[in-house]
PDB file of all heavy atoms in Angstrom:
ATOM      1  N   GLU A   1     240.719 195.725 110.936  1.00  0.00           N
ATOM      2  CA  GLU A   1     240.372 194.824 112.029  1.00  0.00           C
ATOM      3  C   GLU A   1     239.864 195.564 113.265  1.00  0.00           C
ATOM      4  O   GLU A   1     239.522 194.948 114.254  1.00  0.00           O
ATOM      5  CB  GLU A   1     241.594 193.990 112.418  1.00  0.00           C
ATOM      6  CG  GLU A   1     242.111 193.137 111.291  1.00  0.00           C
ATOM      7  CD  GLU A   1     243.448 192.481 111.630  1.00  0.00           C
ATOM      8  OE1 GLU A   1     243.822 192.475 112.816  1.00  0.00           O
ATOM      9  OE2 GLU A   1     244.094 191.981 110.705  1.00  0.00           O
ATOM     10  N   THR A   2     239.845 196.881 113.230  1.00  0.00           N
ATOM     11  CA  THR A   2     239.445 197.652 114.401  1.00  0.00           C
ATOM     12  C   THR A   2     238.105 198.341 114.164  1.00  0.00           C
ATOM     13  O   THR A   2     237.658 198.502 113.033  1.00  0.00           O
ATOM     14  CB  THR A   2     240.489 198.744 114.725  1.00  0.00           C
ATOM     15  OG1 THR A   2     240.471 199.715 113.687  1.00  0.00           O
ATOM     16  CG2 THR A   2     241.880 198.161 114.880  1.00  0.00           C
ATOM     17  N   ASP A   3     237.484 198.727 115.251  1.00  0.00           N
ATOM     18  CA  ASP A   3     236.243 199.488 115.170  1.00  0.00           C
ATOM     19  C   ASP A   3     236.517 200.987 115.264  1.00  0.00           C
ATOM     20  O   ASP A   3     235.602 201.780 115.375  1.00  0.00           O
ATOM     21  CB  ASP A   3     235.295 199.076 116.296  1.00  0.00           C
ATOM     22  CG  ASP A   3     234.773 197.668 116.110  1.00  0.00           C
ATOM     23  OD1 ASP A   3     234.691 197.219 114.952  1.00  0.00           O
ATOM     24  OD2 ASP A   3     234.454 197.023 117.121  1.00  0.00           O
ATOM     25  N   VAL A   4     237.783 201.345 115.258  1.00  0.00           N
ATOM     26  CA  VAL A   4     238.176 202.733 115.438  1.00  0.00           C
ATOM     27  C   VAL A   4     237.974 203.499 114.134  1.00  0.00           C
ATOM     28  O   VAL A   4     238.357 203.046 113.062  1.00  0.00           O
ATOM     29  CB  VAL A   4     239.668 202.813 115.852  1.00  0.00           C
ATOM     30  CG1 VAL A   4     240.115 204.253 115.971  1.00  0.00           C
ATOM     31  CG2 VAL A   4     239.903 202.055 117.136  1.00  0.00           C
ATOM     32  N   GLU A   5     237.356 204.649 114.254  1.00  0.00           N
ATOM     33  CA  GLU A   5     237.234 205.539 113.106  1.00  0.00           C
ATOM     34  C   GLU A   5     238.138 206.733 113.368  1.00  0.00           C
ATOM     35  O   GLU A   5     238.030 207.387 114.401  1.00  0.00           O
ATOM     36  CB  GLU A   5     235.787 205.978 112.917  1.00  0.00           C
ATOM     37  CG  GLU A   5     234.909 204.845 112.436  1.00  0.00           C
ATOM     38  CD  GLU A   5     233.619 205.334 111.818  1.00  0.00           C
ATOM     39  OE1 GLU A   5     233.563 206.504 111.397  1.00  0.00           O
ATOM     40  OE2 GLU A   5     232.685 204.535 111.767  1.00  0.00           O
ATOM     41  N   ILE A   6     239.010 206.991 112.438  1.00  0.00           N
ATOM     42  CA  ILE A   6     239.998 208.051 112.608  1.00  0.00           C
ATOM     43  C   ILE A   6     239.807 209.081 111.511  1.00  0.00           C
ATOM     44  O   ILE A   6     239.687 208.737 110.338  1.00  0.00           O
ATOM     45  CB  ILE A   6     241.425 207.465 112.532  1.00  0.00           C
ATOM     46  CG1 ILE A   6     241.632 206.483 113.689  1.00  0.00           C
ATOM     47  CG2 ILE A   6     242.469 208.567 112.569  1.00  0.00           C
ATOM     48  CD1 ILE A   6     242.905 205.689 113.596  1.00  0.00           C
ATOM     49  N   ASP A   7     239.808 210.339 111.915  1.00  0.00           N
ATOM     50  CA  ASP A   7     239.752 211.433 110.952  1.00  0.00           C
ATOM     51  C   ASP A   7     241.194 211.774 110.571  1.00  0.00           C
ATOM     52  O   ASP A   7     241.842 212.605 111.191  1.00  0.00           O
ATOM     53  CB  ASP A   7     239.052 212.645 111.567  1.00  0.00           C
ATOM     54  CG  ASP A   7     238.923 213.799 110.589  1.00  0.00           C
ATOM     55  OD1 ASP A   7     239.396 213.676 109.436  1.00  0.00           O
ATOM     56  OD2 ASP A   7     238.356 214.827 110.973  1.00  0.00           O
ATOM     57  N   PHE A   8     241.711 211.055 109.572  1.00  0.00           N
ATOM     58  CA  PHE A   8     243.103 211.244 109.177  1.00  0.00           C
ATOM     59  C   PHE A   8     243.371 212.680 108.757  1.00  0.00           C
ATOM     60  O   PHE A   8     244.413 213.240 109.082  1.00  0.00           O
ATOM     61  CB  PHE A   8     243.473 210.270 108.053  1.00  0.00           C
ATOM     62  CG  PHE A   8     243.528 208.853 108.511  1.00  0.00           C
ATOM     63  CD1 PHE A   8     242.488 207.981 108.213  1.00  0.00           C
ATOM     64  CD2 PHE A   8     244.595 208.374 109.237  1.00  0.00           C
ATOM     65  CE1 PHE A   8     242.526 206.663 108.636  1.00  0.00           C
ATOM     66  CE2 PHE A   8     244.643 207.064 109.670  1.00  0.00           C
ATOM     67  CZ  PHE A   8     243.606 206.204 109.368  1.00  0.00           C
ATOM     68  N   ALA A   9     242.437 213.290 108.039  1.00  0.00           N
ATOM     69  CA  ALA A   9     242.634 214.654 107.546  1.00  0.00           C
ATOM     70  C   ALA A   9     242.902 215.628 108.690  1.00  0.00           C
ATOM     71  O   ALA A   9     243.655 216.590 108.530  1.00  0.00           O
ATOM     72  CB  ALA A   9     241.429 215.100 106.739  1.00  0.00           C
ATOM     73  N   GLU A  10     242.329 215.367 109.853  1.00  0.00           N
ATOM     74  CA  GLU A  10     242.554 216.223 111.024  1.00  0.00           C
ATOM     75  C   GLU A  10     244.039 216.234 111.406  1.00  0.00           C
ATOM     76  O   GLU A  10     244.593 217.273 111.760  1.00  0.00           O
ATOM     77  CB  GLU A  10     241.713 215.715 112.199  1.00  0.00           C
ATOM     78  CG  GLU A  10     241.990 216.412 113.505  1.00  0.00           C
ATOM     79  CD  GLU A  10     241.292 215.735 114.665  1.00  0.00           C
ATOM     80  OE1 GLU A  10     240.164 215.239 114.491  1.00  0.00           O
ATOM     81  OE2 GLU A  10     241.880 215.709 115.757  1.00  0.00           O
ATOM     82  N   TYR A  11     244.685 215.088 111.330  1.00  0.00           N
ATOM     83  CA  TYR A  11     246.108 215.015 111.688  1.00  0.00           C
ATOM     84  C   TYR A  11     246.983 215.757 110.691  1.00  0.00           C
ATOM     85  O   TYR A  11     248.035 216.275 111.052  1.00  0.00           O
ATOM     86  CB  TYR A  11     246.558 213.553 111.789  1.00  0.00           C
ATOM     87  CG  TYR A  11     246.102 212.904 113.065  1.00  0.00           C
ATOM     88  CD1 TYR A  11     244.946 212.136 113.101  1.00  0.00           C
ATOM     89  CD2 TYR A  11     246.818 213.085 114.244  1.00  0.00           C
ATOM     90  CE1 TYR A  11     244.518 211.554 114.280  1.00  0.00           C
ATOM     91  CE2 TYR A  11     246.406 212.502 115.432  1.00  0.00           C
ATOM     92  CZ  TYR A  11     245.256 211.742 115.432  1.00  0.00           C
ATOM     93  OH  TYR A  11     244.840 211.175 116.614  1.00  0.00           O
ATOM     94  N   PHE A  12     246.558 215.807 109.443  1.00  0.00           N
ATOM     95  CA  PHE A  12     247.381 216.421 108.410  1.00  0.00           C
ATOM     96  C   PHE A  12     247.461 217.936 108.540  1.00  0.00           C
ATOM     97  O   PHE A  12     248.260 218.565 107.844  1.00  0.00           O
ATOM     98  CB  PHE A  12     246.862 216.044 107.014  1.00  0.00           C
ATOM     99  CG  PHE A  12     246.776 214.546 106.775  1.00  0.00           C
ATOM    100  CD1 PHE A  12     245.827 214.043 105.910  1.00  0.00           C
ATOM    101  CD2 PHE A  12     247.623 213.662 107.415  1.00  0.00           C
ATOM    102  CE1 PHE A  12     245.738 212.670 105.670  1.00  0.00           C
ATOM    103  CE2 PHE A  12     247.538 212.288 107.197  1.00  0.00           C
ATOM    104  CZ  PHE A  12     246.593 211.802 106.316  1.00  0.00           C
ATOM    105  N   VAL A  13     246.654 218.527 109.412  1.00  0.00           N
ATOM    106  CA  VAL A  13     246.657 219.982 109.589  1.00  0.00           C
ATOM    107  C   VAL A  13     246.851 220.393 111.053  1.00  0.00           C
ATOM    108  O   VAL A  13     246.522 221.511 111.432  1.00  0.00           O
ATOM    109  CB  VAL A  13     245.356 220.623 109.024  1.00  0.00           C
ATOM    110  CG1 VAL A  13     245.279 220.432 107.524  1.00  0.00           C
ATOM    111  CG2 VAL A  13     244.121 220.064 109.704  1.00  0.00           C
ATOM    112  N   LYS A  14     247.417 219.513 111.872  1.00  0.00           N
ATOM    113  CA  LYS A  14     247.587 219.774 113.308  1.00  0.00           C
ATOM    114  C   LYS A  14     248.928 220.425 113.654  1.00  0.00           C
ATOM    115  O   LYS A  14     249.356 220.377 114.792  1.00  0.00           O
ATOM    116  CB  LYS A  14     247.441 218.470 114.105  1.00  0.00           C
ATOM    117  CG  LYS A  14     246.011 218.029 114.278  1.00  0.00           C
ATOM    118  CD  LYS A  14     245.932 216.739 115.065  1.00  0.00           C
ATOM    119  CE  LYS A  14     245.875 216.991 116.544  1.00  0.00           C
ATOM    120  NZ  LYS A  14     245.500 215.783 117.302  1.00  0.00           N
ATOM    121  N   LYS A  15     249.588 221.018 112.686  1.00  0.00           N
ATOM    122  CA  LYS A  15     250.859 221.703 112.908  1.00  0.00           C
ATOM    123  C   LYS A  15     251.920 220.782 113.493  1.00  0.00           C
ATOM    124  O   LYS A  15     252.613 221.126 114.445  1.00  0.00           O
ATOM    125  CB  LYS A  15     250.672 222.946 113.787  1.00  0.00           C
ATOM    126  CG  LYS A  15     249.750 223.975 113.185  1.00  0.00           C
ATOM    127  CD  LYS A  15     250.363 225.337 113.278  1.00  0.00           C
ATOM    128  CE  LYS A  15     249.450 226.395 112.766  1.00  0.00           C
ATOM    129  NZ  LYS A  15     249.364 226.507 111.360  1.00  0.00           N
ATOM    130  N   GLY A  16     252.032 219.605 112.898  1.00  0.00           N
ATOM    131  CA  GLY A  16     253.065 218.658 113.273  1.00  0.00           C
ATOM    132  C   GLY A  16     253.521 217.911 112.034  1.00  0.00           C
ATOM    133  O   GLY A  16     253.299 218.349 110.914  1.00  0.00           O
ATOM    134  N   VAL A  17     254.172 216.767 112.259  1.00  0.00           N
ATOM    135  CA  VAL A  17     254.581 215.877 111.180  1.00  0.00           C
ATOM    136  C   VAL A  17     253.828 214.570 111.363  1.00  0.00           C
ATOM    137  O   VAL A  17     253.743 214.042 112.476  1.00  0.00           O
ATOM    138  CB  VAL A  17     256.102 215.614 111.209  1.00  0.00           C
ATOM    139  CG1 VAL A  17     256.487 214.556 110.185  1.00  0.00           C
ATOM    140  CG2 VAL A  17     256.887 216.897 110.964  1.00  0.00           C
ATOM    141  N   THR A  18     253.275 214.046 110.287  1.00  0.00           N
ATOM    142  CA  THR A  18     252.581 212.768 110.321  1.00  0.00           C
ATOM    143  C   THR A  18     253.392 211.759 109.522  1.00  0.00           C
ATOM    144  O   THR A  18     253.725 212.004 108.363  1.00  0.00           O
ATOM    145  CB  THR A  18     251.169 212.881 109.713  1.00  0.00           C
ATOM    146  OG1 THR A  18     250.428 213.878 110.432  1.00  0.00           O
ATOM    147  CG2 THR A  18     250.429 211.555 109.795  1.00  0.00           C
ATOM    148  N   ILE A  19     253.721 210.648 110.171  1.00  0.00           N
ATOM    149  CA  ILE A  19     254.388 209.525 109.502  1.00  0.00           C
ATOM    150  C   ILE A  19     253.399 208.374 109.500  1.00  0.00           C
ATOM    151  O   ILE A  19     252.893 207.986 110.557  1.00  0.00           O
ATOM    152  CB  ILE A  19     255.697 209.131 110.216  1.00  0.00           C
ATOM    153  CG1 ILE A  19     256.718 210.271 110.114  1.00  0.00           C
ATOM    154  CG2 ILE A  19     256.245 207.830 109.624  1.00  0.00           C
ATOM    155  CD1 ILE A  19     258.038 209.992 110.827  1.00  0.00           C
ATOM    156  N   ILE A  20     253.123 207.825 108.333  1.00  0.00           N
ATOM    157  CA  ILE A  20     252.126 206.761 108.192  1.00  0.00           C
ATOM    158  C   ILE A  20     252.785 205.506 107.634  1.00  0.00           C
ATOM    159  O   ILE A  20     253.249 205.497 106.491  1.00  0.00           O
ATOM    160  CB  ILE A  20     250.984 207.176 107.244  1.00  0.00           C
ATOM    161  CG1 ILE A  20     250.409 208.530 107.635  1.00  0.00           C
ATOM    162  CG2 ILE A  20     249.898 206.097 107.213  1.00  0.00           C
ATOM    163  CD1 ILE A  20     249.534 209.150 106.573  1.00  0.00           C
ATOM    164  N   GLU A  21     252.829 204.462 108.456  1.00  0.00           N
ATOM    165  CA  GLU A  21     253.309 203.175 107.981  1.00  0.00           C
ATOM    166  C   GLU A  21     252.156 202.442 107.296  1.00  0.00           C
ATOM    167  O   GLU A  21     251.032 202.495 107.754  1.00  0.00           O
ATOM    168  CB  GLU A  21     253.852 202.341 109.144  1.00  0.00           C
ATOM    169  CG  GLU A  21     255.083 202.958 109.793  1.00  0.00           C
ATOM    170  CD  GLU A  21     255.737 202.055 110.807  1.00  0.00           C
ATOM    171  OE1 GLU A  21     255.785 200.828 110.594  1.00  0.00           O
ATOM    172  OE2 GLU A  21     256.230 202.586 111.825  1.00  0.00           O
ATOM    173  N   TRP A  22     252.456 201.766 106.194  1.00  0.00           N
ATOM    174  CA  TRP A  22     251.468 201.043 105.385  1.00  0.00           C
ATOM    175  C   TRP A  22     250.457 202.009 104.754  1.00  0.00           C
ATOM    176  O   TRP A  22     249.278 201.702 104.616  1.00  0.00           O
ATOM    177  CB  TRP A  22     250.735 199.977 106.203  1.00  0.00           C
ATOM    178  CG  TRP A  22     251.635 198.958 106.820  1.00  0.00           C
ATOM    179  CD1 TRP A  22     252.087 198.968 108.110  1.00  0.00           C
ATOM    180  CD2 TRP A  22     252.201 197.805 106.209  1.00  0.00           C
ATOM    181  NE1 TRP A  22     252.899 197.880 108.327  1.00  0.00           N
ATOM    182  CE2 TRP A  22     252.984 197.146 107.175  1.00  0.00           C
ATOM    183  CE3 TRP A  22     252.120 197.261 104.925  1.00  0.00           C
ATOM    184  CZ2 TRP A  22     253.681 195.977 106.901  1.00  0.00           C
ATOM    185  CZ3 TRP A  22     252.812 196.098 104.656  1.00  0.00           C
ATOM    186  CH2 TRP A  22     253.586 195.467 105.639  1.00  0.00           C
ATOM    187  N   SER A  23     250.904 203.173 104.357  1.00  0.00           N
ATOM    188  CA  SER A  23     250.004 204.225 103.856  1.00  0.00           C
ATOM    189  C   SER A  23     249.227 203.814 102.611  1.00  0.00           C
ATOM    190  O   SER A  23     248.167 204.373 102.338  1.00  0.00           O
ATOM    191  CB  SER A  23     250.773 205.510 103.591  1.00  0.00           C
ATOM    192  OG  SER A  23     251.671 205.340 102.506  1.00  0.00           O
ATOM    193  N   ASP A  24     249.730 202.836 101.857  1.00  0.00           N
ATOM    194  CA  ASP A  24     248.992 202.386 100.667  1.00  0.00           C
ATOM    195  C   ASP A  24     247.591 201.899 101.017  1.00  0.00           C
ATOM    196  O   ASP A  24     246.701 201.913 100.177  1.00  0.00           O
ATOM    197  CB  ASP A  24     249.746 201.256  99.946  1.00  0.00           C
ATOM    198  CG  ASP A  24     250.873 201.779  99.074  1.00  0.00           C
ATOM    199  OD1 ASP A  24     250.949 203.009  98.866  1.00  0.00           O
ATOM    200  OD2 ASP A  24     251.683 200.957  98.605  1.00  0.00           O
ATOM    201  N   MET A  25     247.402 201.488 102.268  1.00  0.00           N
ATOM    202  CA  MET A  25     246.102 200.954 102.688  1.00  0.00           C
ATOM    203  C   MET A  25     245.046 202.049 102.833  1.00  0.00           C
ATOM    204  O   MET A  25     243.859 201.750 102.911  1.00  0.00           O
ATOM    205  CB  MET A  25     246.258 200.170 103.983  1.00  0.00           C
ATOM    206  CG  MET A  25     247.209 198.978 103.808  1.00  0.00           C
ATOM    207  SD  MET A  25     247.251 197.915 105.221  1.00  0.00           S
ATOM    208  CE  MET A  25     245.779 196.954 104.919  1.00  0.00           C
ATOM    209  N   ILE A  26     245.484 203.311 102.892  1.00  0.00           N
ATOM    210  CA  ILE A  26     244.525 204.427 103.000  1.00  0.00           C
ATOM    211  C   ILE A  26     244.788 205.457 101.898  1.00  0.00           C
ATOM    212  O   ILE A  26     244.566 206.651 102.085  1.00  0.00           O
ATOM    213  CB  ILE A  26     244.557 205.089 104.395  1.00  0.00           C
ATOM    214  CG1 ILE A  26     245.947 205.656 104.717  1.00  0.00           C
ATOM    215  CG2 ILE A  26     244.084 204.123 105.468  1.00  0.00           C
ATOM    216  CD1 ILE A  26     245.972 206.619 105.887  1.00  0.00           C
ATOM    217  N   LYS A  27     245.251 204.990 100.769  1.00  0.00           N
ATOM    218  CA  LYS A  27     245.666 205.880  99.673  1.00  0.00           C
ATOM    219  C   LYS A  27     244.625 206.955  99.344  1.00  0.00           C
ATOM    220  O   LYS A  27     244.968 208.105  99.105  1.00  0.00           O
ATOM    221  CB  LYS A  27     245.980 205.052  98.430  1.00  0.00           C
ATOM    222  CG  LYS A  27     246.861 205.784  97.459  1.00  0.00           C
ATOM    223  CD  LYS A  27     247.467 204.816  96.463  1.00  0.00           C
ATOM    224  CE  LYS A  27     248.631 205.396  95.742  1.00  0.00           C
ATOM    225  NZ  LYS A  27     249.888 205.435  96.400  1.00  0.00           N
ATOM    226  N   ASP A  28     243.353 206.600  99.370  1.00  0.00           N
ATOM    227  CA  ASP A  28     242.294 207.560  99.040  1.00  0.00           C
ATOM    228  C   ASP A  28     242.127 208.648 100.098  1.00  0.00           C
ATOM    229  O   ASP A  28     241.469 209.661  99.841  1.00  0.00           O
ATOM    230  CB  ASP A  28     240.954 206.848  98.850  1.00  0.00           C
ATOM    231  CG  ASP A  28     240.952 205.932  97.632  1.00  0.00           C
ATOM    232  OD1 ASP A  28     241.834 206.093  96.756  1.00  0.00           O
ATOM    233  OD2 ASP A  28     240.078 205.065  97.553  1.00  0.00           O
ATOM    234  N   LEU A  29     242.688 208.458 101.283  1.00  0.00           N
ATOM    235  CA  LEU A  29     242.541 209.420 102.370  1.00  0.00           C
ATOM    236  C   LEU A  29     243.767 210.313 102.541  1.00  0.00           C
ATOM    237  O   LEU A  29     243.750 211.228 103.366  1.00  0.00           O
ATOM    238  CB  LEU A  29     242.274 208.679 103.689  1.00  0.00           C
ATOM    239  CG  LEU A  29     241.046 207.760 103.695  1.00  0.00           C
ATOM    240  CD1 LEU A  29     240.975 206.983 104.999  1.00  0.00           C
ATOM    241  CD2 LEU A  29     239.777 208.563 103.474  1.00  0.00           C
ATOM    242  N   LEU A  30     244.812 210.046 101.779  1.00  0.00           N
ATOM    243  CA  LEU A  30     246.056 210.801 101.931  1.00  0.00           C
ATOM    244  C   LEU A  30     245.922 212.192 101.331  1.00  0.00           C
ATOM    245  O   LEU A  30     245.159 212.401 100.380  1.00  0.00           O
ATOM    246  CB  LEU A  30     247.200 210.053 101.244  1.00  0.00           C
ATOM    247  CG  LEU A  30     247.550 208.694 101.851  1.00  0.00           C
ATOM    248  CD1 LEU A  30     248.590 207.994 100.988  1.00  0.00           C
ATOM    249  CD2 LEU A  30     248.019 208.831 103.282  1.00  0.00           C
ATOM    250  N   PRO A  31     246.689 213.146 101.869  1.00  0.00           N
ATOM    251  CA  PRO A  31     246.644 214.494 101.282  1.00  0.00           C
ATOM    252  C   PRO A  31     247.245 214.480  99.883  1.00  0.00           C
ATOM    253  O   PRO A  31     248.056 213.610  99.536  1.00  0.00           O
ATOM    254  CB  PRO A  31     247.492 215.326 102.249  1.00  0.00           C
ATOM    255  CG  PRO A  31     248.394 214.354 102.908  1.00  0.00           C
ATOM    256  CD  PRO A  31     247.632 213.062 102.984  1.00  0.00           C
ATOM    257  N   GLU A  32     246.858 215.451  99.110  1.00  0.00           N
ATOM    258  CA  GLU A  32     247.323 215.536  97.729  1.00  0.00           C
ATOM    259  C   GLU A  32     248.839 215.656  97.666  1.00  0.00           C
ATOM    260  O   GLU A  32     249.484 215.052  96.805  1.00  0.00           O
ATOM    261  CB  GLU A  32     246.667 216.754  97.075  1.00  0.00           C
ATOM    262  CG  GLU A  32     246.662 216.713  95.586  1.00  0.00           C
ATOM    263  CD  GLU A  32     245.801 217.812  95.007  1.00  0.00           C
ATOM    264  OE1 GLU A  32     244.571 217.765  95.175  1.00  0.00           O
ATOM    265  OE2 GLU A  32     246.385 218.720  94.389  1.00  0.00           O
ATOM    266  N   GLU A  33     249.437 216.427  98.583  1.00  0.00           N
ATOM    267  CA  GLU A  33     250.888 216.602  98.620  1.00  0.00           C
ATOM    268  C   GLU A  33     251.453 215.806  99.786  1.00  0.00           C
ATOM    269  O   GLU A  33     250.929 215.886 100.904  1.00  0.00           O
ATOM    270  CB  GLU A  33     251.251 218.083  98.734  1.00  0.00           C
ATOM    271  CG  GLU A  33     250.829 218.870  97.522  1.00  0.00           C
ATOM    272  CD  GLU A  33     251.385 220.290  97.498  1.00  0.00           C
ATOM    273  OE1 GLU A  33     252.109 220.675  98.439  1.00  0.00           O
ATOM    274  OE2 GLU A  33     251.098 221.002  96.531  1.00  0.00           O
ATOM    275  N   ARG A  34     252.548 215.058  99.514  1.00  0.00           N
ATOM    276  CA  ARG A  34     253.135 214.203 100.546  1.00  0.00           C
ATOM    277  C   ARG A  34     254.477 213.669 100.052  1.00  0.00           C
ATOM    278  O   ARG A  34     254.809 213.799  98.875  1.00  0.00           O
ATOM    279  CB  ARG A  34     252.198 213.052 100.884  1.00  0.00           C
ATOM    280  CG  ARG A  34     251.885 212.171  99.681  1.00  0.00           C
ATOM    281  CD  ARG A  34     250.738 211.227  99.965  1.00  0.00           C
ATOM    282  NE  ARG A  34     250.455 210.359  98.840  1.00  0.00           N
ATOM    283  CZ  ARG A  34     249.586 210.608  97.875  1.00  0.00           C
ATOM    284  NH1 ARG A  34     248.914 211.738  97.875  1.00  0.00           N
ATOM    285  NH2 ARG A  34     249.386 209.734  96.906  1.00  0.00           N
TER     286      ARG A  34
END
């Protein structure tokens, strides 16, 4: 519903922890290990 484009992969390597609610909606964008 948003016009926002997010580079999810960028967050996965930012030296932090990423918690994703409703992650099934972006299954193809998730890292291989999780």
